[in-house]
Amino acid sequence: MIISKYSEDFVGSRYTGLYGIKSSSAEEEFIKNMNTNQRSFDVVSFNKSSYPETELVAYGNKNADLFITYNLSAITTADEDTLKTTLDQLNKNEITFEDAVINYSTKSTTDENGLLLRNLGYQLKSTLTSDADFATVTGLKAGEISGVIKTYSGYAIFRGESAPVAPDFTNESVLDAVSLYMSAYESGLIEDYFLTLAEDFASDAVSVGFNEAAASYGITPVTTSSFPINYGESAILGYIPSEFAGVQNNESFFKTAFTLTEGQISAPIVVGNNIVVIKLNEEVTANPVDDFSYMYYSSAFDQASLYYSTVNSDKVENRVTDAYFEQLSANASQNS
């Protein structure tokens, strides 16, 4: 309670507005009125997760080597010398590959039986440290074993199990693999596709109307609730609608959205996993921030600033726990 009282004396009470740091009436009025100019928008959204199957197939056919399935087993260890000894035993038929998997393998990239788990072309290539090793491993015939191969997680001996399998891009699991790869390594291509689609939509919307263009694209526009410019999404101002989740620090978004004139349609905007095109629906004058909310949040912000600038400072040594137990021990001694 002493700490709480000191904090309120220093930065002010959240509930009474007494004491603490003060601000000018002009500043207070300015902040309160930041909530008054609000806009709602009609939104058409293109989700990057809906990348068409035809595009996945086209990319897969163009990059088929990435999705070849290599049927391999491996003995994996962190220590090269241990694996060299194991290789010597294998070559002398002193141990079977299966026993080596059981007794020596860390199974870092395999199942319990030693079968390689990440066995698509691009996955295997990302496991090995050189193109030469990739060529060696992918060229193994059934039953043939490699030498000791360096990997990014240690070392491995590989064995061919059966011939590689070419990708079938009519197979759903293969297309899932292409989608996963593109999301991780070719996200720019996916985004460019939807930016182009959104640009075409915006152009059509200017020609035939926003709702009419949306209907021709099979999309239902959404109208957002009204909200103010709330850069950083401060709790004291109106919240940003869920349709624009993630734009709170996007200065370009706010400049675009709050300079649109009536009937004007925006260029495509990247909003998280979506590409959106927006049109001003309505501009309204909302109530300013009320006195209690202003008092509560401004004091809270001051207290948070005080905390992070002092308690979180690298110049502060936190000995609260030590002091507590020292005092506890001193009290116990006095009472004994």
C-alpha atoms as a PDB file:
ATOM      1  CA  MET A   1       0.000   0.000   0.000  1.00  0.00           C
ATOM      2  CA  ILE A   2       2.936   2.327   0.692  1.00  0.00           C
ATOM      3  CA  ILE A   3       4.265   1.722  -2.837  1.00  0.00           C
ATOM      4  CA  SER A   4       0.797   2.282  -4.312  1.00  0.00           C
ATOM      5  CA  LYS A   5       0.379   5.529  -2.368  1.00  0.00           C
ATOM      6  CA  TYR A   6       3.815   6.763  -3.438  1.00  0.00           C
ATOM      7  CA  SER A   7       3.001   5.948  -7.056  1.00  0.00           C
ATOM      8  CA  GLU A   8      -0.293   7.846  -6.898  1.00  0.00           C
ATOM      9  CA  ASP A   9       1.376  10.836  -5.221  1.00  0.00           C
ATOM     10  CA  PHE A  10       4.029  10.888  -7.919  1.00  0.00           C
ATOM     11  CA  VAL A  11       2.032  10.261 -11.099  1.00  0.00           C
ATOM     12  CA  GLY A  12      -1.538  10.818  -9.905  1.00  0.00           C
ATOM     13  CA  SER A  13      -4.530   8.693  -8.989  1.00  0.00           C
ATOM     14  CA  ARG A  14      -6.353   6.844 -11.765  1.00  0.00           C
ATOM     15  CA  TYR A  15      -9.656   7.531 -10.018  1.00  0.00           C
ATOM     16  CA  THR A  16      -9.441  11.056  -8.573  1.00  0.00           C
ATOM     17  CA  GLY A  17      -7.011  12.831 -10.881  1.00  0.00           C
ATOM     18  CA  LEU A  18      -5.332  14.345  -7.822  1.00  0.00           C
ATOM     19  CA  TYR A  19      -1.619  14.863  -7.359  1.00  0.00           C
ATOM     20  CA  GLY A  20       1.102  13.704  -9.668  1.00  0.00           C
ATOM     21  CA  ILE A  21       2.134  14.734 -13.173  1.00  0.00           C
ATOM     22  CA  LYS A  22      -0.083  17.343 -14.764  1.00  0.00           C
ATOM     23  CA  SER A  23      -0.770  18.192 -18.386  1.00  0.00           C
ATOM     24  CA  SER A  24      -2.107  21.348 -19.962  1.00  0.00           C
ATOM     25  CA  SER A  25      -5.806  21.719 -20.690  1.00  0.00           C
ATOM     26  CA  ALA A  26      -4.963  22.114 -24.389  1.00  0.00           C
ATOM     27  CA  GLU A  27      -3.129  18.782 -24.391  1.00  0.00           C
ATOM     28  CA  GLU A  28      -5.992  17.098 -22.584  1.00  0.00           C
ATOM     29  CA  GLU A  29      -8.534  18.476 -25.064  1.00  0.00           C
ATOM     30  CA  PHE A  30      -6.379  17.434 -28.016  1.00  0.00           C
ATOM     31  CA  ILE A  31      -6.110  13.828 -26.807  1.00  0.00           C
ATOM     32  CA  LYS A  32      -9.801  13.586 -25.976  1.00  0.00           C
ATOM     33  CA  ASN A  33     -10.741  14.864 -29.433  1.00  0.00           C
ATOM     34  CA  MET A  34      -8.523  12.290 -31.157  1.00  0.00           C
ATOM     35  CA  ASN A  35     -11.496   9.956 -30.781  1.00  0.00           C
ATOM     36  CA  THR A  36     -14.056  12.167 -32.539  1.00  0.00           C
ATOM     37  CA  ASN A  37     -13.128  11.827 -36.225  1.00  0.00           C
ATOM     38  CA  GLN A  38     -14.100   8.253 -37.069  1.00  0.00           C
ATOM     39  CA  ARG A  39     -14.623   6.352 -40.297  1.00  0.00           C
ATOM     40  CA  SER A  40     -16.145   3.066 -41.393  1.00  0.00           C
ATOM     41  CA  PHE A  41     -15.168   1.282 -44.585  1.00  0.00           C
ATOM     42  CA  ASP A  42     -16.449  -1.221 -47.110  1.00  0.00           C
ATOM     43  CA  VAL A  43     -13.804  -3.939 -47.411  1.00  0.00           C
ATOM     44  CA  VAL A  44     -13.034  -6.624 -49.962  1.00  0.00           C
ATOM     45  CA  SER A  45     -10.395  -9.049 -48.732  1.00  0.00           C
ATOM     46  CA  PHE A  46      -8.207 -11.574 -50.565  1.00  0.00           C
ATOM     47  CA  ASN A  47      -6.765 -14.146 -48.147  1.00  0.00           C
ATOM     48  CA  LYS A  48      -3.303 -15.417 -49.071  1.00  0.00           C
ATOM     49  CA  SER A  49      -4.198 -18.849 -47.666  1.00  0.00           C
ATOM     50  CA  SER A  50      -6.581 -19.327 -50.601  1.00  0.00           C
ATOM     51  CA  TYR A  51      -3.803 -19.556 -53.198  1.00  0.00           C
ATOM     52  CA  PRO A  52      -5.394 -21.488 -56.096  1.00  0.00           C
ATOM     53  CA  GLU A  53      -4.609 -25.125 -56.700  1.00  0.00           C
ATOM     54  CA  THR A  54      -3.869 -24.380 -60.357  1.00  0.00           C
ATOM     55  CA  GLU A  55      -1.048 -22.066 -59.253  1.00  0.00           C
ATOM     56  CA  LEU A  56       0.320 -24.730 -56.893  1.00  0.00           C
ATOM     57  CA  VAL A  57       0.343 -27.268 -59.725  1.00  0.00           C
ATOM     58  CA  ALA A  58       2.063 -24.803 -62.067  1.00  0.00           C
ATOM     59  CA  TYR A  59       4.759 -24.063 -59.480  1.00  0.00           C
ATOM     60  CA  GLY A  60       5.183 -27.766 -58.695  1.00  0.00           C
ATOM     61  CA  ASN A  61       5.642 -28.721 -62.337  1.00  0.00           C
ATOM     62  CA  LYS A  62       8.206 -25.961 -62.768  1.00  0.00           C
ATOM     63  CA  ASN A  63      10.127 -27.042 -59.652  1.00  0.00           C
ATOM     64  CA  ALA A  64       9.447 -30.787 -59.550  1.00  0.00           C
ATOM     65  CA  ASP A  65      12.906 -31.657 -58.176  1.00  0.00           C
ATOM     66  CA  LEU A  66      11.987 -29.984 -54.889  1.00  0.00           C
ATOM     67  CA  PHE A  67       9.177 -32.465 -54.304  1.00  0.00           C
ATOM     68  CA  ILE A  68      10.745 -35.795 -55.291  1.00  0.00           C
ATOM     69  CA  THR A  69      10.369 -38.323 -52.461  1.00  0.00           C
ATOM     70  CA  TYR A  70      13.634 -40.031 -51.530  1.00  0.00           C
ATOM     71  CA  ASN A  71      13.192 -43.321 -49.690  1.00  0.00           C
ATOM     72  CA  LEU A  72      16.197 -43.435 -47.375  1.00  0.00           C
ATOM     73  CA  SER A  73      17.250 -44.636 -43.954  1.00  0.00           C
ATOM     74  CA  ALA A  74      19.893 -42.965 -41.826  1.00  0.00           C
ATOM     75  CA  ILE A  75      22.078 -43.481 -38.774  1.00  0.00           C
ATOM     76  CA  THR A  76      22.562 -40.068 -37.153  1.00  0.00           C
ATOM     77  CA  THR A  77      24.998 -38.946 -34.460  1.00  0.00           C
ATOM     78  CA  ALA A  78      26.560 -35.731 -33.175  1.00  0.00           C
ATOM     79  CA  ASP A  79      30.050 -37.269 -33.150  1.00  0.00           C
ATOM     80  CA  GLU A  80      31.906 -37.953 -36.406  1.00  0.00           C
ATOM     81  CA  ASP A  81      34.421 -40.428 -34.935  1.00  0.00           C
ATOM     82  CA  THR A  82      31.669 -42.628 -33.499  1.00  0.00           C
ATOM     83  CA  LEU A  83      30.014 -42.788 -36.892  1.00  0.00           C
ATOM     84  CA  LYS A  84      33.304 -43.597 -38.656  1.00  0.00           C
ATOM     85  CA  THR A  85      33.690 -46.576 -36.337  1.00  0.00           C
ATOM     86  CA  THR A  86      30.111 -47.627 -37.107  1.00  0.00           C
ATOM     87  CA  LEU A  87      30.757 -47.319 -40.856  1.00  0.00           C
ATOM     88  CA  ASP A  88      33.829 -49.539 -40.522  1.00  0.00           C
ATOM     89  CA  GLN A  89      31.738 -52.154 -38.691  1.00  0.00           C
ATOM     90  CA  LEU A  90      29.073 -51.993 -41.398  1.00  0.00           C
ATOM     91  CA  ASN A  91      31.624 -52.442 -44.168  1.00  0.00           C
ATOM     92  CA  LYS A  92      33.100 -55.479 -42.334  1.00  0.00           C
ATOM     93  CA  ASN A  93      29.600 -56.913 -41.767  1.00  0.00           C
ATOM     94  CA  GLU A  94      30.221 -56.842 -38.012  1.00  0.00           C
ATOM     95  CA  ILE A  95      26.879 -55.125 -37.457  1.00  0.00           C
ATOM     96  CA  THR A  96      23.693 -54.690 -39.457  1.00  0.00           C
ATOM     97  CA  PHE A  97      22.359 -51.294 -40.439  1.00  0.00           C
ATOM     98  CA  GLU A  98      19.233 -51.977 -38.379  1.00  0.00           C
ATOM     99  CA  ASP A  99      21.256 -52.783 -35.245  1.00  0.00           C
ATOM    100  CA  ALA A 100      23.355 -49.658 -35.753  1.00  0.00           C
ATOM    101  CA  VAL A 101      20.172 -47.595 -35.838  1.00  0.00           C
ATOM    102  CA  ILE A 102      19.025 -49.144 -32.560  1.00  0.00           C
ATOM    103  CA  ASN A 103      22.375 -48.940 -30.757  1.00  0.00           C
ATOM    104  CA  TYR A 104      24.035 -45.782 -32.031  1.00  0.00           C
ATOM    105  CA  SER A 105      21.609 -43.484 -33.850  1.00  0.00           C
ATOM    106  CA  THR A 106      20.226 -40.344 -32.213  1.00  0.00           C
ATOM    107  CA  LYS A 107      17.315 -40.579 -34.705  1.00  0.00           C
ATOM    108  CA  SER A 108      17.335 -36.795 -34.996  1.00  0.00           C
ATOM    109  CA  THR A 109      15.802 -36.839 -38.503  1.00  0.00           C
ATOM    110  CA  THR A 110      14.352 -40.370 -38.627  1.00  0.00           C
ATOM    111  CA  ASP A 111      11.676 -42.503 -37.089  1.00  0.00           C
ATOM    112  CA  GLU A 112      12.469 -45.272 -34.575  1.00  0.00           C
ATOM    113  CA  ASN A 113      13.425 -47.639 -37.422  1.00  0.00           C
ATOM    114  CA  GLY A 114      15.787 -45.158 -39.054  1.00  0.00           C
ATOM    115  CA  LEU A 115      13.533 -44.175 -41.959  1.00  0.00           C
ATOM    116  CA  LEU A 116      14.172 -40.580 -43.007  1.00  0.00           C
ATOM    117  CA  LEU A 117      11.187 -38.382 -42.119  1.00  0.00           C
ATOM    118  CA  ARG A 118      11.923 -35.154 -44.004  1.00  0.00           C
ATOM    119  CA  ASN A 119      12.504 -36.902 -47.300  1.00  0.00           C
ATOM    120  CA  LEU A 120      11.311 -34.477 -49.984  1.00  0.00           C
ATOM    121  CA  GLY A 121      13.984 -33.010 -52.219  1.00  0.00           C
ATOM    122  CA  TYR A 122      14.007 -29.562 -50.654  1.00  0.00           C
ATOM    123  CA  GLN A 123      13.886 -31.005 -47.131  1.00  0.00           C
ATOM    124  CA  LEU A 124      16.817 -33.330 -47.732  1.00  0.00           C
ATOM    125  CA  LYS A 125      18.825 -30.542 -49.355  1.00  0.00           C
ATOM    126  CA  SER A 126      18.271 -28.325 -46.307  1.00  0.00           C
ATOM    127  CA  THR A 127      19.607 -31.157 -44.093  1.00  0.00           C
ATOM    128  CA  LEU A 128      22.923 -31.530 -45.942  1.00  0.00           C
ATOM    129  CA  THR A 129      25.753 -29.017 -46.072  1.00  0.00           C
ATOM    130  CA  SER A 130      26.852 -29.395 -49.701  1.00  0.00           C
ATOM    131  CA  ASP A 131      25.453 -30.027 -53.165  1.00  0.00           C
ATOM    132  CA  ALA A 132      28.005 -32.804 -53.653  1.00  0.00           C
ATOM    133  CA  ASP A 133      26.684 -34.672 -50.614  1.00  0.00           C
ATOM    134  CA  PHE A 134      23.114 -34.158 -51.841  1.00  0.00           C
ATOM    135  CA  ALA A 135      24.059 -35.741 -55.184  1.00  0.00           C
ATOM    136  CA  THR A 136      25.732 -38.661 -53.381  1.00  0.00           C
ATOM    137  CA  VAL A 137      22.796 -39.356 -51.070  1.00  0.00           C
ATOM    138  CA  THR A 138      20.082 -39.023 -53.720  1.00  0.00           C
ATOM    139  CA  GLY A 139      22.053 -41.329 -56.027  1.00  0.00           C
ATOM    140  CA  LEU A 140      22.079 -44.249 -53.573  1.00  0.00           C
ATOM    141  CA  LYS A 141      20.539 -47.444 -54.920  1.00  0.00           C
ATOM    142  CA  ALA A 142      18.440 -49.767 -52.770  1.00  0.00           C
ATOM    143  CA  GLY A 143      20.675 -51.362 -50.106  1.00  0.00           C
ATOM    144  CA  GLU A 144      23.656 -49.097 -50.877  1.00  0.00           C
ATOM    145  CA  ILE A 145      25.129 -47.092 -47.995  1.00  0.00           C
ATOM    146  CA  SER A 146      26.960 -43.789 -48.061  1.00  0.00           C
ATOM    147  CA  GLY A 147      30.067 -42.719 -46.240  1.00  0.00           C
ATOM    148  CA  VAL A 148      29.906 -40.416 -43.247  1.00  0.00           C
ATOM    149  CA  ILE A 149      28.019 -37.317 -44.391  1.00  0.00           C
ATOM    150  CA  LYS A 150      28.059 -34.004 -42.540  1.00  0.00           C
ATOM    151  CA  THR A 151      24.607 -32.575 -41.831  1.00  0.00           C
ATOM    152  CA  TYR A 152      23.487 -29.347 -40.218  1.00  0.00           C
ATOM    153  CA  SER A 153      22.650 -31.257 -37.033  1.00  0.00           C
ATOM    154  CA  GLY A 154      25.687 -33.550 -36.915  1.00  0.00           C
ATOM    155  CA  TYR A 155      26.682 -36.527 -39.057  1.00  0.00           C
ATOM    156  CA  ALA A 156      24.849 -39.357 -40.810  1.00  0.00           C
ATOM    157  CA  ILE A 157      25.249 -42.542 -42.797  1.00  0.00           C
ATOM    158  CA  PHE A 158      22.467 -42.945 -45.362  1.00  0.00           C
ATOM    159  CA  ARG A 159      21.108 -46.091 -46.981  1.00  0.00           C
ATOM    160  CA  GLY A 160      18.945 -46.256 -50.075  1.00  0.00           C
ATOM    161  CA  GLU A 161      15.671 -48.135 -49.544  1.00  0.00           C
ATOM    162  CA  SER A 162      13.963 -47.885 -52.925  1.00  0.00           C
ATOM    163  CA  ALA A 163      13.943 -45.721 -56.033  1.00  0.00           C
ATOM    164  CA  PRO A 164      12.959 -42.047 -55.689  1.00  0.00           C
ATOM    165  CA  VAL A 165       9.306 -41.257 -56.429  1.00  0.00           C
ATOM    166  CA  ALA A 166       8.434 -38.400 -58.766  1.00  0.00           C
ATOM    167  CA  PRO A 167       5.777 -36.019 -57.441  1.00  0.00           C
ATOM    168  CA  ASP A 168       2.180 -36.505 -58.552  1.00  0.00           C
ATOM    169  CA  PHE A 169       0.579 -33.072 -58.559  1.00  0.00           C
ATOM    170  CA  THR A 170      -2.909 -34.567 -58.700  1.00  0.00           C
ATOM    171  CA  ASN A 171      -2.257 -35.979 -55.208  1.00  0.00           C
ATOM    172  CA  GLU A 172      -3.626 -33.808 -52.383  1.00  0.00           C
ATOM    173  CA  SER A 173      -0.756 -34.558 -50.000  1.00  0.00           C
ATOM    174  CA  VAL A 174       1.772 -33.510 -52.636  1.00  0.00           C
ATOM    175  CA  LEU A 175      -0.101 -30.264 -53.235  1.00  0.00           C
ATOM    176  CA  ASP A 176      -0.123 -29.712 -49.471  1.00  0.00           C
ATOM    177  CA  ALA A 177       3.654 -30.055 -49.541  1.00  0.00           C
ATOM    178  CA  VAL A 178       3.902 -27.508 -52.369  1.00  0.00           C
ATOM    179  CA  SER A 179       1.660 -25.125 -50.440  1.00  0.00           C
ATOM    180  CA  LEU A 180       3.757 -25.527 -47.289  1.00  0.00           C
ATOM    181  CA  TYR A 181       6.968 -24.916 -49.223  1.00  0.00           C
ATOM    182  CA  MET A 182       5.631 -21.839 -50.982  1.00  0.00           C
ATOM    183  CA  SER A 183       4.294 -20.373 -47.738  1.00  0.00           C
ATOM    184  CA  ALA A 184       7.728 -20.765 -46.157  1.00  0.00           C
ATOM    185  CA  TYR A 185      10.039 -19.904 -49.060  1.00  0.00           C
ATOM    186  CA  GLU A 186       7.982 -18.247 -51.785  1.00  0.00           C
ATOM    187  CA  SER A 187       5.597 -16.041 -49.808  1.00  0.00           C
ATOM    188  CA  GLY A 188       6.504 -13.145 -52.107  1.00  0.00           C
ATOM    189  CA  LEU A 189       5.115 -15.016 -55.118  1.00  0.00           C
ATOM    190  CA  ILE A 190       1.861 -15.694 -53.275  1.00  0.00           C
ATOM    191  CA  GLU A 191       1.566 -12.066 -52.184  1.00  0.00           C
ATOM    192  CA  ASP A 192       2.309 -10.813 -55.720  1.00  0.00           C
ATOM    193  CA  TYR A 193      -0.449 -13.038 -57.091  1.00  0.00           C
ATOM    194  CA  PHE A 194      -3.041 -11.560 -54.732  1.00  0.00           C
ATOM    195  CA  LEU A 195      -1.750  -8.006 -55.180  1.00  0.00           C
ATOM    196  CA  THR A 196      -2.289  -8.378 -58.918  1.00  0.00           C
ATOM    197  CA  LEU A 197      -5.754  -9.847 -58.313  1.00  0.00           C
ATOM    198  CA  ALA A 198      -6.616  -7.003 -55.931  1.00  0.00           C
ATOM    199  CA  GLU A 199      -5.329  -4.416 -58.410  1.00  0.00           C
ATOM    200  CA  ASP A 200      -7.600  -5.901 -61.083  1.00  0.00           C
ATOM    201  CA  PHE A 201     -10.512  -5.788 -58.654  1.00  0.00           C
ATOM    202  CA  ALA A 202      -9.840  -2.151 -57.732  1.00  0.00           C
ATOM    203  CA  SER A 203      -9.716  -1.226 -61.399  1.00  0.00           C
ATOM    204  CA  ASP A 204     -13.004  -3.036 -62.086  1.00  0.00           C
ATOM    205  CA  ALA A 205     -14.578  -1.435 -59.004  1.00  0.00           C
ATOM    206  CA  VAL A 206     -13.783   2.019 -60.353  1.00  0.00           C
ATOM    207  CA  SER A 207     -15.432   1.079 -63.660  1.00  0.00           C
ATOM    208  CA  VAL A 208     -18.551  -0.786 -62.538  1.00  0.00           C
ATOM    209  CA  GLY A 209     -18.927  -0.067 -58.817  1.00  0.00           C
ATOM    210  CA  PHE A 210     -17.527  -1.613 -55.650  1.00  0.00           C
ATOM    211  CA  ASN A 211     -20.360  -4.046 -54.877  1.00  0.00           C
ATOM    212  CA  GLU A 212     -20.833  -5.001 -58.514  1.00  0.00           C
ATOM    213  CA  ALA A 213     -17.150  -5.799 -58.947  1.00  0.00           C
ATOM    214  CA  ALA A 214     -17.162  -7.800 -55.708  1.00  0.00           C
ATOM    215  CA  ALA A 215     -20.067  -9.885 -56.979  1.00  0.00           C
ATOM    216  CA  SER A 216     -18.211 -10.642 -60.213  1.00  0.00           C
ATOM    217  CA  TYR A 217     -15.262 -11.902 -58.150  1.00  0.00           C
ATOM    218  CA  GLY A 218     -17.536 -14.017 -55.946  1.00  0.00           C
ATOM    219  CA  ILE A 219     -16.770 -11.917 -52.860  1.00  0.00           C
ATOM    220  CA  THR A 220     -19.159 -10.382 -50.341  1.00  0.00           C
ATOM    221  CA  PRO A 221     -17.917  -6.976 -49.103  1.00  0.00           C
ATOM    222  CA  VAL A 222     -17.838  -6.351 -45.342  1.00  0.00           C
ATOM    223  CA  THR A 223     -18.612  -3.017 -43.709  1.00  0.00           C
ATOM    224  CA  THR A 224     -16.513  -2.260 -40.644  1.00  0.00           C
ATOM    225  CA  SER A 225     -17.532  -0.419 -37.512  1.00  0.00           C
ATOM    226  CA  SER A 226     -16.388   3.183 -37.178  1.00  0.00           C
ATOM    227  CA  PHE A 227     -12.997   3.876 -35.597  1.00  0.00           C
ATOM    228  CA  PRO A 228     -10.530   6.751 -35.253  1.00  0.00           C
ATOM    229  CA  ILE A 229      -6.897   7.014 -36.248  1.00  0.00           C
ATOM    230  CA  ASN A 230      -5.430   4.903 -33.468  1.00  0.00           C
ATOM    231  CA  TYR A 231      -1.788   4.370 -34.313  1.00  0.00           C
ATOM    232  CA  GLY A 232      -0.391   1.894 -31.802  1.00  0.00           C
ATOM    233  CA  GLU A 233      -3.965   0.941 -30.782  1.00  0.00           C
ATOM    234  CA  SER A 234      -4.033   2.907 -27.552  1.00  0.00           C
ATOM    235  CA  ALA A 235      -6.657   1.712 -25.084  1.00  0.00           C
ATOM    236  CA  ILE A 236      -7.896   5.269 -24.602  1.00  0.00           C
ATOM    237  CA  LEU A 237      -9.229   5.490 -28.163  1.00  0.00           C
ATOM    238  CA  GLY A 238     -11.723   3.446 -30.174  1.00  0.00           C
ATOM    239  CA  TYR A 239     -10.562  -0.027 -31.146  1.00  0.00           C
ATOM    240  CA  ILE A 240      -9.501  -0.977 -34.669  1.00  0.00           C
ATOM    241  CA  PRO A 241     -12.014  -3.428 -36.241  1.00  0.00           C
ATOM    242  CA  SER A 242     -11.026  -7.069 -36.629  1.00  0.00           C
ATOM    243  CA  GLU A 243     -11.036  -6.706 -40.428  1.00  0.00           C
ATOM    244  CA  PHE A 244      -7.888  -4.598 -40.022  1.00  0.00           C
ATOM    245  CA  ALA A 245      -6.197  -6.663 -37.312  1.00  0.00           C
ATOM    246  CA  GLY A 246      -2.467  -6.073 -37.280  1.00  0.00           C
ATOM    247  CA  VAL A 247      -2.409  -2.562 -38.809  1.00  0.00           C
ATOM    248  CA  GLN A 248      -1.965  -0.707 -35.520  1.00  0.00           C
ATOM    249  CA  ASN A 249       1.643   0.236 -36.376  1.00  0.00           C
ATOM    250  CA  ASN A 250       1.110   0.626 -40.117  1.00  0.00           C
ATOM    251  CA  GLU A 251       1.402   4.358 -40.775  1.00  0.00           C
ATOM    252  CA  SER A 252       0.761   3.874 -44.500  1.00  0.00           C
ATOM    253  CA  PHE A 253      -2.592   2.200 -43.773  1.00  0.00           C
ATOM    254  CA  PHE A 254      -3.892   5.089 -41.668  1.00  0.00           C
ATOM    255  CA  LYS A 255      -2.711   7.668 -44.201  1.00  0.00           C
ATOM    256  CA  THR A 256      -4.485   5.788 -46.989  1.00  0.00           C
ATOM    257  CA  ALA A 257      -7.704   5.031 -45.093  1.00  0.00           C
ATOM    258  CA  PHE A 258      -8.175   8.490 -43.586  1.00  0.00           C
ATOM    259  CA  THR A 259      -7.453  10.456 -46.736  1.00  0.00           C
ATOM    260  CA  LEU A 260      -9.926   8.586 -48.973  1.00  0.00           C
ATOM    261  CA  THR A 261     -12.617  10.846 -50.335  1.00  0.00           C
ATOM    262  CA  GLU A 262     -16.254   9.848 -50.806  1.00  0.00           C
ATOM    263  CA  GLY A 263     -16.552   7.145 -53.471  1.00  0.00           C
ATOM    264  CA  GLN A 264     -12.780   6.760 -53.820  1.00  0.00           C
ATOM    265  CA  ILE A 265     -11.421   3.213 -53.912  1.00  0.00           C
ATOM    266  CA  SER A 266      -8.032   2.450 -52.437  1.00  0.00           C
ATOM    267  CA  ALA A 267      -5.124   0.664 -54.007  1.00  0.00           C
ATOM    268  CA  PRO A 268      -4.503  -2.818 -52.518  1.00  0.00           C
ATOM    269  CA  ILE A 269      -3.230  -2.778 -48.919  1.00  0.00           C
ATOM    270  CA  VAL A 270      -1.401  -5.655 -47.217  1.00  0.00           C
ATOM    271  CA  VAL A 271      -3.125  -6.374 -43.887  1.00  0.00           C
ATOM    272  CA  GLY A 272      -1.568  -9.396 -42.189  1.00  0.00           C
ATOM    273  CA  ASN A 273      -2.420 -12.469 -44.249  1.00  0.00           C
ATOM    274  CA  ASN A 274      -4.886 -10.519 -46.388  1.00  0.00           C
ATOM    275  CA  ILE A 275      -4.757  -8.097 -49.272  1.00  0.00           C
ATOM    276  CA  VAL A 276      -7.619  -5.633 -48.898  1.00  0.00           C
ATOM    277  CA  VAL A 277      -9.230  -2.988 -51.061  1.00  0.00           C
ATOM    278  CA  ILE A 278     -11.335  -0.451 -49.172  1.00  0.00           C
ATOM    279  CA  LYS A 279     -13.871   2.260 -49.864  1.00  0.00           C
ATOM    280  CA  LEU A 280     -15.015   4.937 -47.441  1.00  0.00           C
ATOM    281  CA  ASN A 281     -18.460   3.995 -46.170  1.00  0.00           C
ATOM    282  CA  GLU A 282     -19.177   6.766 -43.680  1.00  0.00           C
ATOM    283  CA  GLU A 283     -17.432   9.511 -41.752  1.00  0.00           C
ATOM    284  CA  VAL A 284     -18.925  10.285 -38.358  1.00  0.00           C
ATOM    285  CA  THR A 285     -18.259  12.537 -35.402  1.00  0.00           C
ATOM    286  CA  ALA A 286     -18.092  10.436 -32.261  1.00  0.00           C
ATOM    287  CA  ASN A 287     -17.978  11.512 -28.636  1.00  0.00           C
ATOM    288  CA  PRO A 288     -14.581  12.606 -27.320  1.00  0.00           C
ATOM    289  CA  VAL A 289     -12.852  10.513 -24.678  1.00  0.00           C
ATOM    290  CA  ASP A 290     -14.808  10.977 -21.437  1.00  0.00           C
ATOM    291  CA  ASP A 291     -13.228  12.562 -18.374  1.00  0.00           C
ATOM    292  CA  PHE A 292     -13.025   9.381 -16.323  1.00  0.00           C
ATOM    293  CA  SER A 293     -11.403   7.339 -19.125  1.00  0.00           C
ATOM    294  CA  TYR A 294      -8.898  10.101 -19.790  1.00  0.00           C
ATOM    295  CA  MET A 295      -8.021  10.364 -16.095  1.00  0.00           C
ATOM    296  CA  TYR A 296      -7.770   6.583 -15.679  1.00  0.00           C
ATOM    297  CA  TYR A 297      -5.636   5.833 -18.748  1.00  0.00           C
ATOM    298  CA  SER A 298      -3.388   8.888 -18.601  1.00  0.00           C
ATOM    299  CA  SER A 299      -2.450   8.004 -15.020  1.00  0.00           C
ATOM    300  CA  ALA A 300      -1.945   4.366 -15.994  1.00  0.00           C
ATOM    301  CA  PHE A 301       0.318   5.408 -18.873  1.00  0.00           C
ATOM    302  CA  ASP A 302       2.329   7.646 -16.556  1.00  0.00           C
ATOM    303  CA  GLN A 303       2.717   4.829 -14.045  1.00  0.00           C
ATOM    304  CA  ALA A 304       3.803   2.405 -16.762  1.00  0.00           C
ATOM    305  CA  SER A 305       6.343   4.928 -18.087  1.00  0.00           C
ATOM    306  CA  LEU A 306       7.683   5.444 -14.578  1.00  0.00           C
ATOM    307  CA  TYR A 307       7.998   1.695 -14.081  1.00  0.00           C
ATOM    308  CA  TYR A 308       9.804   0.985 -17.337  1.00  0.00           C
ATOM    309  CA  SER A 309      12.138   3.968 -17.000  1.00  0.00           C
ATOM    310  CA  THR A 310      13.138   3.172 -13.412  1.00  0.00           C
ATOM    311  CA  VAL A 311      12.404  -0.364 -12.226  1.00  0.00           C
ATOM    312  CA  ASN A 312      13.346  -1.838 -15.616  1.00  0.00           C
ATOM    313  CA  SER A 313      16.487   0.261 -15.892  1.00  0.00           C
ATOM    314  CA  ASP A 314      19.789  -1.638 -16.063  1.00  0.00           C
ATOM    315  CA  LYS A 315      20.999   0.774 -13.366  1.00  0.00           C
ATOM    316  CA  VAL A 316      18.518  -0.650 -10.871  1.00  0.00           C
ATOM    317  CA  GLU A 317      19.433  -3.645  -8.734  1.00  0.00           C
ATOM    318  CA  ASN A 318      16.326  -5.524  -7.651  1.00  0.00           C
ATOM    319  CA  ARG A 319      16.910  -6.662  -4.046  1.00  0.00           C
ATOM    320  CA  VAL A 320      13.254  -6.732  -2.967  1.00  0.00           C
ATOM    321  CA  THR A 321      13.260 -10.471  -2.233  1.00  0.00           C
ATOM    322  CA  ASP A 322      16.551 -10.281  -0.314  1.00  0.00           C
ATOM    323  CA  ALA A 323      15.340  -7.314   1.731  1.00  0.00           C
ATOM    324  CA  TYR A 324      12.056  -9.061   2.495  1.00  0.00           C
ATOM    325  CA  PHE A 325      13.748 -12.165   3.905  1.00  0.00           C
ATOM    326  CA  GLU A 326      16.351 -10.091   5.753  1.00  0.00           C
ATOM    327  CA  GLN A 327      13.548  -8.168   7.449  1.00  0.00           C
ATOM    328  CA  LEU A 328      11.661 -11.385   8.126  1.00  0.00           C
ATOM    329  CA  SER A 329      14.737 -12.876   9.745  1.00  0.00           C
ATOM    330  CA  ALA A 330      15.340  -9.717  11.795  1.00  0.00           C
ATOM    331  CA  ASN A 331      11.749  -9.740  13.074  1.00  0.00           C
ATOM    332  CA  ALA A 332      12.038 -13.414  13.989  1.00  0.00           C
ATOM    333  CA  SER A 333      15.219 -12.697  15.944  1.00  0.00           C
ATOM    334  CA  GLN A 334      13.582  -9.843  17.849  1.00  0.00           C
ATOM    335  CA  ASN A 335      10.594 -12.009  18.786  1.00  0.00           C
ATOM    336  CA  SER A 336      12.665 -14.969  19.974  1.00  0.00           C
END
